[in-house]
Structure formats: structure tokens, C-alpha cells
Amino acid sequence: MRLAAGQVAVVTGAAGGIGLAMARRFAAEGLKVVLADVEEGALRKAADALAADGAEVLARIVDVSDRDSVLALADAAYDAYGAVHVLCNNAGVGSGAEGRMWEHEPNDWKWAFSVNVWGVFHGIQAFVPRMIAGGAPGHVVNTSSGDGGIAPLPTASVYAVTKAAVVTMTESLYAHLKAEGAPVGASVLFPGPHMLRTGLWESHRNRPDRYAKERPRKAPYRTLDQYEAAMRQAGHEVEFTPVEEVAEHVVDGIRADRFWMLPDSEHSDRQIRARSQSMLERANPAYLESFILD
């Protein structure tokens, strides 16, 4: 797909982090950008900053876990601009789950799935039929993670399961678009290759009452700064990938019609090979052993 001035990009989770970086990068290409996020204050700030830089911006408060909210977003985008060419289903949350999987609260799973999985599906269902009907080249980018998308980090298993689902959903979307002969491509994004400074670490700030935790956490939520400090104290240096680099990877991937938006990484490649070899050999998943909790 050729990105060109006047096209329209919709980005969920766009008030900060990867979403905002993608919106800025699309705006730099001359695209009109539709920002969707559940945080009103941060969304308004992001939209004002983009507009001040000369971008044409439409901002909408959206809860991607609510189908009607996403359908209303699509209506607003098409009412304003008449078309959508790029859709980035990027909104995501951590679950806040603690302990072993069998100790997790059901609401931890319900909340994570409602945003990370249902949110992606709602975006596909709200926009893709209209994108196909429009007849113009388009592209859908669904944000996954190396945690789950490649192999799970057992200490964040709920999140990992949701991000594995995003990979399979996007593979299925790709196949369905090809079967239709649609001029719309699909990609799955693995942000990285290193950690990112995003609001995902503080997802709990937006946790809705309907998915509230049923019992107090055993330990307080850890901020990214606290995690980084603990890792350094343990002798591990933490590397970060700028969100702008992720956005550049997305733009390059759309232009190349690249399904796997997976940055070069020796660590990721080792995990992929180890997991694939384990499956081919019908062997136990030894590649998880370094992550298994005591």
C-alpha cells in the first residue's frame, strides 16, 4: 500500500505510547488521523498537539471493549472523512493478575480479553467491511506482543494468552482478505525489540468497575521505573525501544505489505526456533524453563 496525503488512519489506544507515535508518523505522511482512546484528558492533549503541528485530527473517546462504542467510532470517521485506509487496533491493557494461573481472578481474564481480544475484533468488524466496500487500498495493523505472540512469559500469562489470540486472529483476517480478493492487507505488530515506555504498566488506572478486582492485591502495582530499578539492582541492564522506532516499523511494514511486523532480534529468533523445534519434535517446552517461577 502506498501511503499518501489525504488518506485516513484510525488508531486506537492513541492518547499515548505506541498509538500516539503511530498517529504522529501517519500525520507526517500527510494522512488525516482519527484518535481513539478511553482517557479523555490524555486524548484531548494528544489531539491538540497533533493539530498544532498541522495535522487534521478527529478525536473520539472510545472503549474498544464495547462494540457499540467502536461502531460509533467508525460512523464518526466515515461521516467526517468518507473513507478509512489504515486501521491500527492498538489499544491494550495488562491484567493485573497475581500468582499462579489457577489463583487468578476471573475478572482479570475478562478485562484483558475484553480489550486485547474483543477490542481487536470489534475494530475489524466495524471497519473492514467498509474498507473493502470502498475499493481503495487499505491496511489493518493489530498490535500483539512477543509475550504470547511468540512465547508466553509465565509471570504475565493472562496478557500472553490475549496476545497469542491476536496473532491467530490476524492470520485468519489475512486469509479471509486474500480469499475475498480485497485490496486490504493485514499485519500483526510485535513492538520492540526491547521494552517500551508506555502506559501499559499502569493499565489499572482505566480498569472499569464491571471488571473490578474482587480482592486486594498482595503486592502494589509496580511502575516501570520500579521494575527497571529492580532489574538493575539484580545486575540486569534494561534496554528500551523508542516508540517512534515502532511507528517507523509500522509505516515501513504497510508499504511493504509485510504481515509479520517483527523487528530483528536475536532473542525473538531464538524463541521462535526453540518453540518451533519443540513442536516439531513433540518435545516438552524447555524454552519456558528459564521463566518458570520458583
Protein backbone atom coordinates (compact mmCIF):
# COMPACT_ATOMS: atom_id res chain seq x y z
CA MET A 1 0.00 0.00 0.00
CA ARG A 2 1.21 3.47 -0.85
CA LEU A 3 0.66 5.96 1.97
CA ALA A 4 -0.38 9.33 0.58
CA ALA A 5 -1.58 12.71 1.76
CA GLY A 6 -5.33 12.84 2.22
CA GLN A 7 -5.73 9.23 3.29
CA VAL A 8 -7.24 8.45 6.69
CA ALA A 9 -5.73 6.43 9.54
CA VAL A 10 -7.64 5.28 12.62
CA VAL A 11 -5.62 4.39 15.71
CA THR A 12 -7.00 3.02 18.97
CA GLY A 13 -5.10 3.49 22.21
CA ALA A 14 -3.89 6.70 20.57
CA ALA A 15 -3.59 9.03 23.56
CA GLY A 16 -0.03 7.93 24.32
CA GLY A 17 2.72 5.38 23.77
CA ILE A 18 2.79 3.38 20.56
CA GLY A 19 -0.63 4.61 19.43
CA LEU A 20 0.30 8.28 19.61
CA ALA A 21 3.65 7.60 17.93
CA MET A 22 1.85 5.88 15.04
CA ALA A 23 -0.62 8.74 14.74
CA ARG A 24 2.23 11.26 14.60
CA ARG A 25 4.03 9.21 11.97
CA PHE A 26 0.91 8.92 9.80
CA ALA A 27 0.30 12.66 10.15
CA ALA A 28 3.88 13.27 8.99
CA GLU A 29 2.94 11.43 5.79
CA GLY A 30 0.00 13.79 5.32
CA LEU A 31 -2.70 11.39 6.48
CA LYS A 32 -5.74 12.56 8.41
CA VAL A 33 -5.72 10.82 11.77
CA VAL A 34 -8.60 9.58 13.91
CA LEU A 35 -7.51 9.13 17.51
CA ALA A 36 -9.48 6.82 19.78
CA ASP A 37 -8.82 6.29 23.47
CA VAL A 38 -10.65 5.75 26.72
CA GLU A 39 -8.74 8.53 28.56
CA GLU A 40 -10.42 11.84 27.79
CA GLY A 41 -7.76 14.20 29.17
CA ALA A 42 -4.81 12.47 27.55
CA LEU A 43 -6.73 12.12 24.28
CA ARG A 44 -7.53 15.82 24.12
CA LYS A 45 -3.91 16.72 24.85
CA ALA A 46 -2.66 14.39 22.10
CA ALA A 47 -5.17 15.70 19.57
CA ASP A 48 -4.37 19.34 20.35
CA ALA A 49 -0.63 18.69 19.96
CA LEU A 50 -1.11 17.00 16.59
CA ALA A 51 -3.41 19.76 15.38
CA ALA A 52 -0.89 22.39 16.49
CA ASP A 53 1.65 20.64 14.24
CA GLY A 54 -0.69 20.98 11.29
CA ALA A 55 -2.38 17.59 11.25
CA GLU A 56 -6.06 17.12 10.51
CA VAL A 57 -7.34 15.28 13.57
CA LEU A 58 -10.56 13.74 14.80
CA ALA A 59 -10.57 12.55 18.42
CA ARG A 60 -13.16 10.26 19.94
CA ILE A 61 -13.47 8.76 23.42
CA VAL A 62 -13.83 5.04 22.78
CA ASP A 63 -13.96 1.92 24.92
CA VAL A 64 -12.85 -0.78 22.50
CA SER A 65 -14.33 -3.48 24.72
CA ASP A 66 -17.77 -2.03 23.92
CA ARG A 67 -18.89 -2.98 20.40
CA ASP A 68 -21.30 -0.06 20.14
CA SER A 69 -18.52 2.35 21.09
CA VAL A 70 -16.32 1.06 18.26
CA LEU A 71 -19.19 1.10 15.77
CA ALA A 72 -19.81 4.72 16.73
CA LEU A 73 -16.12 5.43 16.10
CA ALA A 74 -16.42 4.01 12.60
CA ASP A 75 -19.52 6.09 11.94
CA ALA A 76 -17.70 9.23 13.12
CA ALA A 77 -14.65 8.52 10.95
CA TYR A 78 -16.71 7.88 7.82
CA ASP A 79 -19.04 10.80 8.48
CA ALA A 80 -16.04 13.12 8.80
CA TYR A 81 -13.80 11.82 6.02
CA GLY A 82 -15.78 9.39 3.88
CA ALA A 83 -13.12 6.66 3.97
CA VAL A 84 -10.60 4.86 6.16
CA HIS A 85 -7.39 3.49 4.66
CA VAL A 86 -5.37 2.40 7.70
CA LEU A 87 -6.75 0.80 10.85
CA CYS A 88 -4.48 0.18 13.85
CA ASN A 89 -6.15 -1.93 16.52
CA ASN A 90 -3.61 -0.97 19.16
CA ALA A 91 -5.43 -0.46 22.47
CA GLY A 92 -4.32 -2.92 25.14
CA VAL A 93 -4.12 -3.49 28.88
CA GLY A 94 -2.25 -5.63 31.37
CA SER A 95 -4.47 -7.81 33.50
CA GLY A 96 -3.20 -7.07 37.00
CA ALA A 97 -3.29 -10.78 37.80
CA GLU A 98 -1.07 -12.21 40.55
CA GLY A 99 0.21 -15.66 41.45
CA ARG A 100 -0.38 -18.94 39.66
CA MET A 101 -2.89 -19.17 36.85
CA TRP A 102 -5.37 -21.07 38.99
CA GLU A 103 -5.23 -18.25 41.55
CA HIS A 104 -6.18 -15.51 39.08
CA GLU A 105 -9.48 -13.75 39.48
CA PRO A 106 -11.95 -14.30 36.63
CA ASN A 107 -12.22 -10.53 36.23
CA ASP A 108 -8.51 -10.33 35.41
CA TRP A 109 -9.17 -12.56 32.41
CA LYS A 110 -12.46 -10.89 31.47
CA TRP A 111 -10.95 -7.40 31.44
CA ALA A 112 -7.85 -8.36 29.47
CA PHE A 113 -9.87 -10.29 26.90
CA SER A 114 -12.48 -7.55 26.58
CA VAL A 115 -9.82 -5.04 25.49
CA ASN A 116 -6.98 -7.06 23.96
CA VAL A 117 -9.06 -9.59 22.04
CA TRP A 118 -12.62 -8.35 21.73
CA GLY A 119 -11.30 -4.83 21.11
CA VAL A 120 -9.39 -6.04 18.07
CA PHE A 121 -12.36 -8.00 16.76
CA HIS A 122 -14.68 -5.03 17.27
CA GLY A 123 -12.29 -2.90 15.22
CA ILE A 124 -12.19 -5.48 12.43
CA GLN A 125 -15.95 -5.83 12.32
CA ALA A 126 -16.64 -2.10 12.46
CA PHE A 127 -14.15 -1.01 9.79
CA VAL A 128 -13.06 -3.82 7.48
CA PRO A 129 -16.37 -4.29 5.59
CA ARG A 130 -16.43 -0.56 4.88
CA MET A 131 -12.78 -0.54 3.86
CA ILE A 132 -13.42 -3.39 1.40
CA ALA A 133 -16.57 -1.71 0.04
CA GLY A 134 -14.63 1.49 -0.53
CA GLY A 135 -12.45 -0.31 -3.05
CA ALA A 136 -9.28 1.61 -2.23
CA PRO A 137 -6.05 0.01 -0.99
CA GLY A 138 -6.01 -0.29 2.79
CA HIS A 139 -4.24 -1.97 5.66
CA VAL A 140 -5.09 -3.30 9.13
CA VAL A 141 -2.42 -3.49 11.83
CA ASN A 142 -3.19 -5.45 15.01
CA THR A 143 -0.83 -5.00 17.95
CA SER A 144 0.37 -8.22 19.58
CA SER A 145 3.48 -8.80 21.71
CA GLY A 146 6.45 -11.11 21.91
CA ASP A 147 4.88 -12.15 25.23
CA GLY A 148 2.32 -14.60 23.90
CA GLY A 149 2.67 -13.74 20.26
CA ILE A 150 5.95 -15.67 20.17
CA ALA A 151 6.07 -17.47 23.52
CA PRO A 152 4.42 -16.73 26.86
CA LEU A 153 6.08 -15.10 29.80
CA PRO A 154 4.50 -17.19 32.57
CA THR A 155 4.62 -14.28 35.01
CA ALA A 156 2.18 -12.44 32.70
CA SER A 157 0.15 -15.35 31.42
CA VAL A 158 -3.20 -13.60 31.02
CA TYR A 159 -1.67 -10.92 28.82
CA ALA A 160 0.26 -13.57 26.90
CA VAL A 161 -2.87 -15.56 26.12
CA THR A 162 -4.64 -12.48 24.77
CA LYS A 163 -1.69 -11.51 22.57
CA ALA A 164 -1.42 -15.05 21.21
CA ALA A 165 -5.08 -14.73 20.24
CA VAL A 166 -4.33 -11.52 18.35
CA VAL A 167 -1.76 -13.34 16.20
CA THR A 168 -4.22 -16.08 15.25
CA MET A 169 -6.98 -13.55 14.64
CA THR A 170 -4.73 -11.58 12.30
CA GLU A 171 -3.61 -14.71 10.44
CA SER A 172 -7.28 -15.55 9.91
CA LEU A 173 -8.05 -11.99 8.82
CA TYR A 174 -5.19 -12.12 6.30
CA ALA A 175 -6.53 -15.36 4.83
CA HIS A 176 -10.09 -14.04 4.62
CA LEU A 177 -8.98 -10.82 2.91
CA LYS A 178 -6.97 -12.83 0.38
CA ALA A 179 -9.94 -15.11 -0.26
CA GLU A 180 -12.09 -12.05 -0.95
CA GLY A 181 -9.50 -10.61 -3.31
CA ALA A 182 -9.72 -7.42 -1.26
CA PRO A 183 -7.16 -4.65 -1.73
CA VAL A 184 -6.77 -4.53 2.06
CA GLY A 185 -3.72 -6.01 3.75
CA ALA A 186 -3.24 -7.21 7.32
CA SER A 187 -0.26 -7.24 9.66
CA VAL A 188 0.48 -8.27 13.20
CA LEU A 189 2.75 -5.89 15.11
CA PHE A 190 5.30 -7.01 17.68
CA PRO A 191 6.52 -3.77 19.31
CA GLY A 192 10.18 -3.84 20.22
CA PRO A 193 12.65 -5.45 20.04
CA HIS A 194 13.23 -4.13 23.57
CA MET A 195 10.90 -2.92 26.31
CA LEU A 196 8.85 0.19 25.76
CA ARG A 197 7.95 3.15 27.92
CA THR A 198 4.16 3.12 27.60
CA GLY A 199 1.12 3.39 29.80
CA LEU A 200 0.60 -0.38 29.69
CA TRP A 201 2.41 -0.63 33.01
CA GLU A 202 -0.32 1.45 34.63
CA SER A 203 -3.33 -0.07 32.88
CA HIS A 204 -5.12 -0.40 36.21
CA ARG A 205 -5.86 3.33 36.14
CA ASN A 206 -8.51 2.68 33.48
CA ARG A 207 -9.93 -0.58 34.83
CA PRO A 208 -13.75 -0.32 34.72
CA ASP A 209 -15.93 -1.15 37.69
CA ARG A 210 -17.58 -4.05 35.88
CA TYR A 211 -14.19 -5.81 35.85
CA ALA A 212 -13.02 -4.64 39.27
CA LYS A 213 -10.75 -6.87 41.32
CA GLU A 214 -12.63 -8.91 43.87
CA ARG A 215 -9.89 -8.90 46.48
CA PRO A 216 -6.96 -6.61 47.31
CA ARG A 217 -3.65 -7.26 45.57
CA LYS A 218 -0.98 -8.97 47.65
CA ALA A 219 1.60 -6.51 46.32
CA PRO A 220 1.17 -2.97 44.99
CA TYR A 221 1.24 -2.43 41.26
CA ARG A 222 4.83 -1.94 40.13
CA THR A 223 5.64 1.04 37.95
CA LEU A 224 8.03 0.80 35.03
CA ASP A 225 10.61 2.84 36.94
CA GLN A 226 10.38 0.45 39.88
CA TYR A 227 10.74 -2.56 37.59
CA GLU A 228 13.75 -1.02 35.89
CA ALA A 229 15.37 -0.23 39.25
CA ALA A 230 14.80 -3.78 40.49
CA MET A 231 16.31 -5.26 37.32
CA ARG A 232 19.38 -3.06 37.58
CA GLN A 233 19.77 -3.91 41.25
CA ALA A 234 19.77 -7.57 40.21
CA GLY A 235 22.54 -6.84 37.71
CA HIS A 236 20.39 -6.79 34.57
CA GLU A 237 20.51 -3.81 32.24
CA VAL A 238 17.12 -2.97 30.70
CA GLU A 239 17.05 -1.72 27.12
CA PHE A 240 14.22 0.35 25.69
CA THR A 241 12.97 0.81 22.15
CA PRO A 242 11.67 4.31 21.38
CA VAL A 243 8.00 4.27 20.41
CA GLU A 244 8.95 6.37 17.37
CA GLU A 245 11.02 3.44 16.12
CA VAL A 246 7.98 1.18 16.41
CA ALA A 247 5.89 3.66 14.42
CA GLU A 248 8.54 3.77 11.70
CA HIS A 249 8.49 -0.03 11.57
CA VAL A 250 4.72 0.10 11.07
CA VAL A 251 4.93 2.57 8.19
CA ASP A 252 7.66 0.50 6.50
CA GLY A 253 5.61 -2.66 7.00
CA ILE A 254 2.47 -1.19 5.48
CA ARG A 255 4.40 -0.02 2.42
CA ALA A 256 5.95 -3.47 2.02
CA ASP A 257 2.67 -5.32 2.75
CA ARG A 258 4.60 -7.20 5.43
CA PHE A 259 2.42 -9.48 7.57
CA TRP A 260 4.96 -10.05 10.34
CA MET A 261 5.87 -6.63 11.71
CA LEU A 262 8.56 -8.25 13.81
CA PRO A 263 11.79 -6.27 14.32
CA ASP A 264 15.15 -8.01 14.09
CA SER A 265 16.05 -9.56 17.43
CA GLU A 266 18.32 -12.45 18.28
CA HIS A 267 16.26 -13.11 21.41
CA SER A 268 12.99 -13.35 19.45
CA ASP A 269 14.60 -15.53 16.80
CA ARG A 270 15.90 -17.93 19.46
CA GLN A 271 12.43 -18.18 20.99
CA ILE A 272 10.80 -18.81 17.62
CA ARG A 273 13.28 -21.53 16.72
CA ALA A 274 13.08 -23.17 20.14
CA ARG A 275 9.30 -23.21 20.16
CA SER A 276 9.06 -24.46 16.59
CA GLN A 277 11.63 -27.18 17.28
CA SER A 278 9.77 -28.25 20.39
CA MET A 279 6.59 -28.67 18.36
CA LEU A 280 8.30 -30.48 15.51
CA GLU A 281 9.98 -32.89 17.92
CA ARG A 282 6.82 -33.27 20.03
CA ALA A 283 9.03 -32.30 22.98
CA ASN A 284 8.17 -30.54 26.21
CA PRO A 285 8.54 -26.71 26.09
CA ALA A 286 12.05 -26.40 27.52
CA TYR A 287 12.19 -22.84 26.16
CA LEU A 288 9.95 -21.82 29.08
CA GLU A 289 12.16 -23.21 31.80
CA SER A 290 14.21 -20.05 32.27
CA PHE A 291 10.98 -18.20 33.07
CA ILE A 292 9.31 -20.72 35.36
CA LEU A 293 8.70 -19.31 38.83
CA ASP A 294 10.17 -20.89 41.94
